[in-house]
Amino acid sequence: MIENQKIRPAQVIGPLGEPLTLDSLPPPNTTRWVVRRKAEVVAAVNGGLLTVDEACERYGLSLEEFASWQRSIDRSGMPGLRVTRIQHYRDLYERQQRF
């Protein structure tokens, strides 16, 4: 059935005005999250290129971490992403829970 199929755009407009495709997104093994990469992932989700769940799974993000990126962009634009340290603290907490 057609209504059950997900229609996705081939590309969306990125945070700097450039076209983003699945191939031009940050690689799934990204560990260093600079402002531009975070903004690209948020733009991909907002534009329908990825779902929130796909983005979280692809990049190993928690839903809270991704939501904080979205809130930061909504509130302060790209400069608001500079202070995000949630992943660092999440990893630290997970290490502490193992021991």
PDB file of N, CA and C in Angstrom:
ATOM      1  N   MET A   1       0.811  -1.177   0.000  1.00  0.00           N
ATOM      2  CA  MET A   1       0.000   0.000   0.000  1.00  0.00           C
ATOM      3  C   MET A   1       0.862   1.251   0.000  1.00  0.00           C
ATOM      4  N   ILE A   2       0.481   2.192  -0.774  1.00  0.00           N
ATOM      5  CA  ILE A   2       1.257   3.414  -0.910  1.00  0.00           C
ATOM      6  C   ILE A   2       1.279   4.230   0.383  1.00  0.00           C
ATOM      7  N   GLU A   3       0.157   4.287   1.104  1.00  0.00           N
ATOM      8  CA  GLU A   3       0.137   5.112   2.317  1.00  0.00           C
ATOM      9  C   GLU A   3       1.060   4.592   3.409  1.00  0.00           C
ATOM     10  N   ASN A   4       1.492   3.336   3.336  1.00  0.00           N
ATOM     11  CA  ASN A   4       2.408   2.783   4.321  1.00  0.00           C
ATOM     12  C   ASN A   4       3.870   3.029   3.963  1.00  0.00           C
ATOM     13  N   GLN A   5       4.133   3.484   2.760  1.00  0.00           N
ATOM     14  CA  GLN A   5       5.500   3.743   2.339  1.00  0.00           C
ATOM     15  C   GLN A   5       5.924   5.128   2.802  1.00  0.00           C
ATOM     16  N   LYS A   6       7.155   5.208   3.248  1.00  0.00           N
ATOM     17  CA  LYS A   6       7.679   6.486   3.684  1.00  0.00           C
ATOM     18  C   LYS A   6       8.336   7.171   2.496  1.00  0.00           C
ATOM     19  N   ILE A   7       7.912   8.373   2.227  1.00  0.00           N
ATOM     20  CA  ILE A   7       8.503   9.152   1.152  1.00  0.00           C
ATOM     21  C   ILE A   7       9.476  10.132   1.772  1.00  0.00           C
ATOM     22  N   ARG A   8      10.712  10.054   1.335  1.00  0.00           N
ATOM     23  CA  ARG A   8      11.759  10.914   1.873  1.00  0.00           C
ATOM     24  C   ARG A   8      12.365  11.755   0.773  1.00  0.00           C
ATOM     25  N   PRO A   9      12.778  12.945   1.135  1.00  0.00           N
ATOM     26  CA  PRO A   9      13.464  13.761   0.129  1.00  0.00           C
ATOM     27  C   PRO A   9      14.850  13.192  -0.153  1.00  0.00           C
ATOM     28  N   ALA A  10      15.347  13.445  -1.340  1.00  0.00           N
ATOM     29  CA  ALA A  10      16.694  13.001  -1.688  1.00  0.00           C
ATOM     30  C   ALA A  10      17.737  13.888  -1.031  1.00  0.00           C
ATOM     31  N   GLN A  11      17.362  15.133  -0.776  1.00  0.00           N
ATOM     32  CA  GLN A  11      18.275  16.063  -0.124  1.00  0.00           C
ATOM     33  C   GLN A  11      17.484  17.120   0.630  1.00  0.00           C
ATOM     34  N   VAL A  12      18.131  17.723   1.599  1.00  0.00           N
ATOM     35  CA  VAL A  12      17.548  18.828   2.360  1.00  0.00           C
ATOM     36  C   VAL A  12      18.582  19.944   2.411  1.00  0.00           C
ATOM     37  N   ILE A  13      18.150  21.105   2.825  1.00  0.00           N
ATOM     38  CA  ILE A  13      19.068  22.230   2.942  1.00  0.00           C
ATOM     39  C   ILE A  13      19.742  22.171   4.309  1.00  0.00           C
ATOM     40  N   GLY A  14      21.056  22.218   4.309  1.00  0.00           N
ATOM     41  CA  GLY A  14      21.826  22.144   5.541  1.00  0.00           C
ATOM     42  C   GLY A  14      21.875  23.482   6.261  1.00  0.00           C
ATOM     43  N   PRO A  15      22.532  23.505   7.408  1.00  0.00           N
ATOM     44  CA  PRO A  15      22.574  24.716   8.231  1.00  0.00           C
ATOM     45  C   PRO A  15      23.327  25.874   7.591  1.00  0.00           C
ATOM     46  N   LEU A  16      24.199  25.584   6.662  1.00  0.00           N
ATOM     47  CA  LEU A  16      24.948  26.639   5.986  1.00  0.00           C
ATOM     48  C   LEU A  16      24.420  26.909   4.580  1.00  0.00           C
ATOM     49  N   GLY A  17      23.240  26.362   4.267  1.00  0.00           N
ATOM     50  CA  GLY A  17      22.612  26.592   2.969  1.00  0.00           C
ATOM     51  C   GLY A  17      23.006  25.598   1.890  1.00  0.00           C
ATOM     52  N   GLU A  18      23.839  24.636   2.213  1.00  0.00           N
ATOM     53  CA  GLU A  18      24.288  23.639   1.242  1.00  0.00           C
ATOM     54  C   GLU A  18      23.333  22.456   1.237  1.00  0.00           C
ATOM     55  N   PRO A  19      23.221  21.741   0.101  1.00  0.00           N
ATOM     56  CA  PRO A  19      22.365  20.555   0.073  1.00  0.00           C
ATOM     57  C   PRO A  19      22.992  19.412   0.880  1.00  0.00           C
ATOM     58  N   LEU A  20      22.160  18.735   1.658  1.00  0.00           N
ATOM     59  CA  LEU A  20      22.598  17.577   2.438  1.00  0.00           C
ATOM     60  C   LEU A  20      21.909  16.332   1.908  1.00  0.00           C
ATOM     61  N   THR A  21      22.677  15.286   1.703  1.00  0.00           N
ATOM     62  CA  THR A  21      22.131  13.980   1.340  1.00  0.00           C
ATOM     63  C   THR A  21      22.590  12.990   2.413  1.00  0.00           C
ATOM     64  N   LEU A  22      22.082  11.766   2.343  1.00  0.00           N
ATOM     65  CA  LEU A  22      22.529  10.750   3.302  1.00  0.00           C
ATOM     66  C   LEU A  22      24.035  10.535   3.209  1.00  0.00           C
ATOM     67  N   ASP A  23      24.578  10.630   1.989  1.00  0.00           N
ATOM     68  CA  ASP A  23      26.012  10.424   1.800  1.00  0.00           C
ATOM     69  C   ASP A  23      26.855  11.578   2.321  1.00  0.00           C
ATOM     70  N   SER A  24      26.292  12.784   2.365  1.00  0.00           N
ATOM     71  CA  SER A  24      27.078  13.933   2.815  1.00  0.00           C
ATOM     72  C   SER A  24      26.937  14.205   4.312  1.00  0.00           C
ATOM     73  N   LEU A  25      26.096  13.429   4.999  1.00  0.00           N
ATOM     74  CA  LEU A  25      25.980  13.576   6.441  1.00  0.00           C
ATOM     75  C   LEU A  25      27.266  13.084   7.112  1.00  0.00           C
ATOM     76  N   PRO A  26      27.491  13.486   8.365  1.00  0.00           N
ATOM     77  CA  PRO A  26      28.680  12.966   9.062  1.00  0.00           C
ATOM     78  C   PRO A  26      28.665  11.438   9.085  1.00  0.00           C
ATOM     79  N   PRO A  27      29.838  10.819   9.036  1.00  0.00           N
ATOM     80  CA  PRO A  27      29.879   9.347   9.057  1.00  0.00           C
ATOM     81  C   PRO A  27      29.334   8.800  10.376  1.00  0.00           C
ATOM     82  N   PRO A  28      28.775   7.589  10.338  1.00  0.00           N
ATOM     83  CA  PRO A  28      28.197   6.994  11.548  1.00  0.00           C
ATOM     84  C   PRO A  28      29.186   6.811  12.700  1.00  0.00           C
ATOM     85  N   ASN A  29      30.458   6.709  12.411  1.00  0.00           N
ATOM     86  CA  ASN A  29      31.455   6.500  13.471  1.00  0.00           C
ATOM     87  C   ASN A  29      32.005   7.817  14.023  1.00  0.00           C
ATOM     88  N   THR A  30      31.320   8.919  13.796  1.00  0.00           N
ATOM     89  CA  THR A  30      31.769  10.230  14.267  1.00  0.00           C
ATOM     90  C   THR A  30      31.820  10.241  15.793  1.00  0.00           C
ATOM     91  N   THR A  31      32.950  10.692  16.331  1.00  0.00           N
ATOM     92  CA  THR A  31      33.076  10.818  17.780  1.00  0.00           C
ATOM     93  C   THR A  31      33.310  12.270  18.188  1.00  0.00           C
ATOM     94  N   ARG A  32      33.824  13.084  17.288  1.00  0.00           N
ATOM     95  CA  ARG A  32      34.077  14.492  17.593  1.00  0.00           C
ATOM     96  C   ARG A  32      32.958  15.320  16.985  1.00  0.00           C
ATOM     97  N   TRP A  33      32.083  15.819  17.845  1.00  0.00           N
ATOM     98  CA  TRP A  33      30.894  16.523  17.380  1.00  0.00           C
ATOM     99  C   TRP A  33      31.095  18.030  17.414  1.00  0.00           C
ATOM    100  N   VAL A  34      31.556  18.568  16.294  1.00  0.00           N
ATOM    101  CA  VAL A  34      31.670  20.017  16.169  1.00  0.00           C
ATOM    102  C   VAL A  34      30.292  20.585  15.856  1.00  0.00           C
ATOM    103  N   VAL A  35      30.155  21.884  16.000  1.00  0.00           N
ATOM    104  CA  VAL A  35      28.869  22.558  15.832  1.00  0.00           C
ATOM    105  C   VAL A  35      28.246  22.238  14.470  1.00  0.00           C
ATOM    106  N   ARG A  36      29.023  22.313  13.409  1.00  0.00           N
ATOM    107  CA  ARG A  36      28.496  22.083  12.058  1.00  0.00           C
ATOM    108  C   ARG A  36      27.907  20.691  11.916  1.00  0.00           C
ATOM    109  N   ARG A  37      28.572  19.662  12.439  1.00  0.00           N
ATOM    110  CA  ARG A  37      28.072  18.287  12.318  1.00  0.00           C
ATOM    111  C   ARG A  37      26.765  18.097  13.079  1.00  0.00           C
ATOM    112  N   LYS A  38      26.705  18.653  14.282  1.00  0.00           N
ATOM    113  CA  LYS A  38      25.460  18.569  15.054  1.00  0.00           C
ATOM    114  C   LYS A  38      24.322  19.236  14.279  1.00  0.00           C
ATOM    115  N   ALA A  39      24.600  20.423  13.755  1.00  0.00           N
ATOM    116  CA  ALA A  39      23.575  21.166  13.017  1.00  0.00           C
ATOM    117  C   ALA A  39      23.144  20.414  11.760  1.00  0.00           C
ATOM    118  N   GLU A  40      24.062  19.716  11.101  1.00  0.00           N
ATOM    119  CA  GLU A  40      23.704  18.930   9.916  1.00  0.00           C
ATOM    120  C   GLU A  40      22.760  17.787  10.277  1.00  0.00           C
ATOM    121  N   VAL A  41      23.017  17.113  11.381  1.00  0.00           N
ATOM    122  CA  VAL A  41      22.154  16.006  11.791  1.00  0.00           C
ATOM    123  C   VAL A  41      20.762  16.541  12.144  1.00  0.00           C
ATOM    124  N   VAL A  42      20.701  17.647  12.852  1.00  0.00           N
ATOM    125  CA  VAL A  42      19.409  18.243  13.197  1.00  0.00           C
ATOM    126  C   VAL A  42      18.664  18.669  11.935  1.00  0.00           C
ATOM    127  N   ALA A  43      19.361  19.271  10.977  1.00  0.00           N
ATOM    128  CA  ALA A  43      18.727  19.689   9.720  1.00  0.00           C
ATOM    129  C   ALA A  43      18.215  18.480   8.949  1.00  0.00           C
ATOM    130  N   ALA A  44      18.962  17.378   8.961  1.00  0.00           N
ATOM    131  CA  ALA A  44      18.532  16.161   8.261  1.00  0.00           C
ATOM    132  C   ALA A  44      17.245  15.617   8.865  1.00  0.00           C
ATOM    133  N   VAL A  45      17.138  15.635  10.193  1.00  0.00           N
ATOM    134  CA  VAL A  45      15.925  15.158  10.844  1.00  0.00           C
ATOM    135  C   VAL A  45      14.771  16.118  10.587  1.00  0.00           C
ATOM    136  N   ASN A  46      15.021  17.409  10.748  1.00  0.00           N
ATOM    137  CA  ASN A  46      13.964  18.398  10.533  1.00  0.00           C
ATOM    138  C   ASN A  46      13.450  18.390   9.093  1.00  0.00           C
ATOM    139  N   GLY A  47      14.325  18.073   8.145  1.00  0.00           N
ATOM    140  CA  GLY A  47      13.933  18.036   6.743  1.00  0.00           C
ATOM    141  C   GLY A  47      13.358  16.707   6.288  1.00  0.00           C
ATOM    142  N   GLY A  48      13.390  15.693   7.151  1.00  0.00           N
ATOM    143  CA  GLY A  48      12.823  14.398   6.794  1.00  0.00           C
ATOM    144  C   GLY A  48      13.786  13.427   6.152  1.00  0.00           C
ATOM    145  N   LEU A  49      15.054  13.780   6.086  1.00  0.00           N
ATOM    146  CA  LEU A  49      16.051  12.884   5.506  1.00  0.00           C
ATOM    147  C   LEU A  49      16.280  11.671   6.412  1.00  0.00           C
ATOM    148  N   LEU A  50      16.231  11.879   7.718  1.00  0.00           N
ATOM    149  CA  LEU A  50      16.338  10.818   8.729  1.00  0.00           C
ATOM    150  C   LEU A  50      15.224  11.017   9.747  1.00  0.00           C
ATOM    151  N   THR A  51      14.827   9.936  10.393  1.00  0.00           N
ATOM    152  CA  THR A  51      13.919  10.075  11.532  1.00  0.00           C
ATOM    153  C   THR A  51      14.781  10.289  12.781  1.00  0.00           C
ATOM    154  N   VAL A  52      14.171  10.708  13.840  1.00  0.00           N
ATOM    155  CA  VAL A  52      14.906  10.890  15.094  1.00  0.00           C
ATOM    156  C   VAL A  52      15.518   9.560  15.534  1.00  0.00           C
ATOM    157  N   ASP A  53      14.736   8.494  15.444  1.00  0.00           N
ATOM    158  CA  ASP A  53      15.242   7.175  15.846  1.00  0.00           C
ATOM    159  C   ASP A  53      16.423   6.740  14.996  1.00  0.00           C
ATOM    160  N   GLU A  54      16.345   6.975  13.684  1.00  0.00           N
ATOM    161  CA  GLU A  54      17.449   6.608  12.794  1.00  0.00           C
ATOM    162  C   GLU A  54      18.701   7.407  13.124  1.00  0.00           C
ATOM    163  N   ALA A  55      18.534   8.688  13.389  1.00  0.00           N
ATOM    164  CA  ALA A  55      19.692   9.533  13.722  1.00  0.00           C
ATOM    165  C   ALA A  55      20.331   9.066  15.022  1.00  0.00           C
ATOM    166  N   CYS A  56      19.520   8.782  16.022  1.00  0.00           N
ATOM    167  CA  CYS A  56      20.056   8.324  17.309  1.00  0.00           C
ATOM    168  C   CYS A  56      20.778   6.994  17.166  1.00  0.00           C
ATOM    169  N   GLU A  57      20.197   6.085  16.410  1.00  0.00           N
ATOM    170  CA  GLU A  57      20.842   4.780  16.206  1.00  0.00           C
ATOM    171  C   GLU A  57      22.113   4.913  15.377  1.00  0.00           C
ATOM    172  N   ARG A  58      22.046   5.674  14.311  1.00  0.00           N
ATOM    173  CA  ARG A  58      23.194   5.838  13.409  1.00  0.00           C
ATOM    174  C   ARG A  58      24.402   6.448  14.123  1.00  0.00           C
ATOM    175  N   TYR A  59      24.144   7.424  15.007  1.00  0.00           N
ATOM    176  CA  TYR A  59      25.237   8.145  15.647  1.00  0.00           C
ATOM    177  C   TYR A  59      25.444   7.797  17.114  1.00  0.00           C
ATOM    178  N   GLY A  60      24.705   6.830  17.634  1.00  0.00           N
ATOM    179  CA  GLY A  60      24.886   6.428  19.024  1.00  0.00           C
ATOM    180  C   GLY A  60      24.497   7.522  20.004  1.00  0.00           C
ATOM    181  N   LEU A  61      23.448   8.255  19.682  1.00  0.00           N
ATOM    182  CA  LEU A  61      22.986   9.354  20.528  1.00  0.00           C
ATOM    183  C   LEU A  61      21.795   8.898  21.354  1.00  0.00           C
ATOM    184  N   SER A  62      21.643   9.498  22.511  1.00  0.00           N
ATOM    185  CA  SER A  62      20.415   9.270  23.270  1.00  0.00           C
ATOM    186  C   SER A  62      19.372  10.252  22.739  1.00  0.00           C
ATOM    187  N   LEU A  63      18.133   9.942  22.981  1.00  0.00           N
ATOM    188  CA  LEU A  63      17.057  10.836  22.560  1.00  0.00           C
ATOM    189  C   LEU A  63      17.200  12.202  23.240  1.00  0.00           C
ATOM    190  N   GLU A  64      17.600  12.200  24.500  1.00  0.00           N
ATOM    191  CA  GLU A  64      17.781  13.448  25.237  1.00  0.00           C
ATOM    192  C   GLU A  64      18.892  14.301  24.630  1.00  0.00           C
ATOM    193  N   GLU A  65      19.972  13.638  24.215  1.00  0.00           N
ATOM    194  CA  GLU A  65      21.089  14.370  23.617  1.00  0.00           C
ATOM    195  C   GLU A  65      20.665  15.030  22.314  1.00  0.00           C
ATOM    196  N   PHE A  66      19.985  14.265  21.464  1.00  0.00           N
ATOM    197  CA  PHE A  66      19.530  14.842  20.203  1.00  0.00           C
ATOM    198  C   PHE A  66      18.539  15.978  20.456  1.00  0.00           C
ATOM    199  N   ALA A  67      17.618  15.763  21.395  1.00  0.00           N
ATOM    200  CA  ALA A  67      16.635  16.804  21.713  1.00  0.00           C
ATOM    201  C   ALA A  67      17.318  18.070  22.223  1.00  0.00           C
ATOM    202  N   SER A  68      18.416  17.918  22.963  1.00  0.00           N
ATOM    203  CA  SER A  68      19.131  19.096  23.449  1.00  0.00           C
ATOM    204  C   SER A  68      19.766  19.859  22.286  1.00  0.00           C
ATOM    205  N   TRP A  69      20.237  19.135  21.259  1.00  0.00           N
ATOM    206  CA  TRP A  69      20.772  19.803  20.073  1.00  0.00           C
ATOM    207  C   TRP A  69      19.669  20.609  19.396  1.00  0.00           C
ATOM    208  N   GLN A  70      18.495  19.996  19.245  1.00  0.00           N
ATOM    209  CA  GLN A  70      17.378  20.695  18.607  1.00  0.00           C
ATOM    210  C   GLN A  70      16.982  21.931  19.400  1.00  0.00           C
ATOM    211  N   ARG A  71      16.882  21.791  20.709  1.00  0.00           N
ATOM    212  CA  ARG A  71      16.518  22.942  21.555  1.00  0.00           C
ATOM    213  C   ARG A  71      17.556  24.048  21.445  1.00  0.00           C
ATOM    214  N   SER A  72      18.822  23.668  21.445  1.00  0.00           N
ATOM    215  CA  SER A  72      19.888  24.666  21.349  1.00  0.00           C
ATOM    216  C   SER A  72      19.816  25.447  20.053  1.00  0.00           C
ATOM    217  N   ILE A  73      19.554  24.753  18.959  1.00  0.00           N
ATOM    218  CA  ILE A  73      19.434  25.428  17.664  1.00  0.00           C
ATOM    219  C   ILE A  73      18.208  26.325  17.647  1.00  0.00           C
ATOM    220  N   ASP A  74      17.095  25.831  18.183  1.00  0.00           N
ATOM    221  CA  ASP A  74      15.874  26.633  18.213  1.00  0.00           C
ATOM    222  C   ASP A  74      16.054  27.896  19.045  1.00  0.00           C
ATOM    223  N   ARG A  75      16.762  27.781  20.151  1.00  0.00           N
ATOM    224  CA  ARG A  75      16.937  28.918  21.061  1.00  0.00           C
ATOM    225  C   ARG A  75      18.020  29.883  20.621  1.00  0.00           C
ATOM    226  N   SER A  76      19.164  29.348  20.194  1.00  0.00           N
ATOM    227  CA  SER A  76      20.336  30.198  19.970  1.00  0.00           C
ATOM    228  C   SER A  76      20.985  30.031  18.612  1.00  0.00           C
ATOM    229  N   GLY A  77      20.425  29.210  17.749  1.00  0.00           N
ATOM    230  CA  GLY A  77      21.067  28.955  16.462  1.00  0.00           C
ATOM    231  C   GLY A  77      22.297  28.078  16.653  1.00  0.00           C
ATOM    232  N   MET A  78      23.132  28.047  15.651  1.00  0.00           N
ATOM    233  CA  MET A  78      24.322  27.190  15.708  1.00  0.00           C
ATOM    234  C   MET A  78      25.248  27.513  16.876  1.00  0.00           C
ATOM    235  N   PRO A  79      25.445  28.766  17.257  1.00  0.00           N
ATOM    236  CA  PRO A  79      26.327  29.029  18.408  1.00  0.00           C
ATOM    237  C   PRO A  79      25.854  28.368  19.702  1.00  0.00           C
ATOM    238  N   GLY A  80      24.567  28.092  19.817  1.00  0.00           N
ATOM    239  CA  GLY A  80      24.052  27.438  21.003  1.00  0.00           C
ATOM    240  C   GLY A  80      24.535  26.010  21.168  1.00  0.00           C
ATOM    241  N   LEU A  81      25.058  25.425  20.101  1.00  0.00           N
ATOM    242  CA  LEU A  81      25.549  24.042  20.158  1.00  0.00           C
ATOM    243  C   LEU A  81      26.954  23.937  20.747  1.00  0.00           C
ATOM    244  N   ARG A  82      27.615  25.040  20.939  1.00  0.00           N
ATOM    245  CA  ARG A  82      29.011  24.995  21.386  1.00  0.00           C
ATOM    246  C   ARG A  82      29.197  24.463  22.789  1.00  0.00           C
ATOM    247  N   VAL A  83      28.216  24.605  23.634  1.00  0.00           N
ATOM    248  CA  VAL A  83      28.393  24.239  25.040  1.00  0.00           C
ATOM    249  C   VAL A  83      27.879  22.849  25.373  1.00  0.00           C
ATOM    250  N   THR A  84      27.377  22.124  24.427  1.00  0.00           N
ATOM    251  CA  THR A  84      26.785  20.815  24.701  1.00  0.00           C
ATOM    252  C   THR A  84      27.866  19.828  25.135  1.00  0.00           C
ATOM    253  N   ARG A  85      27.678  19.285  26.341  1.00  0.00           N
ATOM    254  CA  ARG A  85      28.604  18.288  26.872  1.00  0.00           C
ATOM    255  C   ARG A  85      27.855  17.047  27.358  1.00  0.00           C
ATOM    256  N   ILE A  86      26.623  16.887  26.914  1.00  0.00           N
ATOM    257  CA  ILE A  86      25.789  15.803  27.420  1.00  0.00           C
ATOM    258  C   ILE A  86      26.396  14.435  27.133  1.00  0.00           C
ATOM    259  N   GLN A  87      26.944  14.230  25.928  1.00  0.00           N
ATOM    260  CA  GLN A  87      27.496  12.913  25.606  1.00  0.00           C
ATOM    261  C   GLN A  87      28.658  12.577  26.538  1.00  0.00           C
ATOM    262  N   HIS A  88      29.499  13.556  26.849  1.00  0.00           N
ATOM    263  CA  HIS A  88      30.618  13.320  27.757  1.00  0.00           C
ATOM    264  C   HIS A  88      30.106  12.829  29.109  1.00  0.00           C
ATOM    265  N   TYR A  89      29.120  13.517  29.643  1.00  0.00           N
ATOM    266  CA  TYR A  89      28.596  13.146  30.946  1.00  0.00           C
ATOM    267  C   TYR A  89      27.833  11.819  30.893  1.00  0.00           C
ATOM    268  N   ARG A  90      27.139  11.556  29.783  1.00  0.00           N
ATOM    269  CA  ARG A  90      26.441  10.274  29.652  1.00  0.00           C
ATOM    270  C   ARG A  90      27.446   9.128  29.652  1.00  0.00           C
ATOM    271  N   ASP A  91      28.539   9.272  28.909  1.00  0.00           N
ATOM    272  CA  ASP A  91      29.563   8.226  28.868  1.00  0.00           C
ATOM    273  C   ASP A  91      30.201   8.024  30.239  1.00  0.00           C
ATOM    274  N   LEU A  92      30.455   9.105  30.939  1.00  0.00           N
ATOM    275  CA  LEU A  92      31.028   9.024  32.272  1.00  0.00           C
ATOM    276  C   LEU A  92      30.084   8.279  33.215  1.00  0.00           C
ATOM    277  N   TYR A  93      28.809   8.607  33.154  1.00  0.00           N
ATOM    278  CA  TYR A  93      27.803   7.944  33.985  1.00  0.00           C
ATOM    279  C   TYR A  93      27.732   6.452  33.656  1.00  0.00           C
ATOM    280  N   GLU A  94      27.745   6.094  32.374  1.00  0.00           N
ATOM    281  CA  GLU A  94      27.680   4.684  31.985  1.00  0.00           C
ATOM    282  C   GLU A  94      28.910   3.919  32.476  1.00  0.00           C
ATOM    283  N   ARG A  95      30.080   4.543  32.423  1.00  0.00           N
ATOM    284  CA  ARG A  95      31.289   3.885  32.937  1.00  0.00           C
ATOM    285  C   ARG A  95      31.183   3.652  34.441  1.00  0.00           C
ATOM    286  N   GLN A  96      30.646   4.629  35.161  1.00  0.00           N
ATOM    287  CA  GLN A  96      30.499   4.497  36.603  1.00  0.00           C
ATOM    288  C   GLN A  96      29.509   3.391  36.950  1.00  0.00           C
ATOM    289  N   GLN A  97      28.473   3.208  36.139  1.00  0.00           N
ATOM    290  CA  GLN A  97      27.473   2.187  36.417  1.00  0.00           C
ATOM    291  C   GLN A  97      28.026   0.772  36.222  1.00  0.00           C
ATOM    292  N   ARG A  98      29.018   0.618  35.385  1.00  0.00           N
ATOM    293  CA  ARG A  98      29.598  -0.698  35.128  1.00  0.00           C
ATOM    294  C   ARG A  98      30.423  -1.209  36.297  1.00  0.00           C
ATOM    295  N   PHE A  99      30.948  -0.309  37.112  1.00  0.00           N
ATOM    296  CA  PHE A  99      31.849  -0.718  38.210  1.00  0.00           C
ATOM    297  C   PHE A  99      31.191  -0.622  39.540  1.00  0.00           C
TER     298      PHE A  99
END
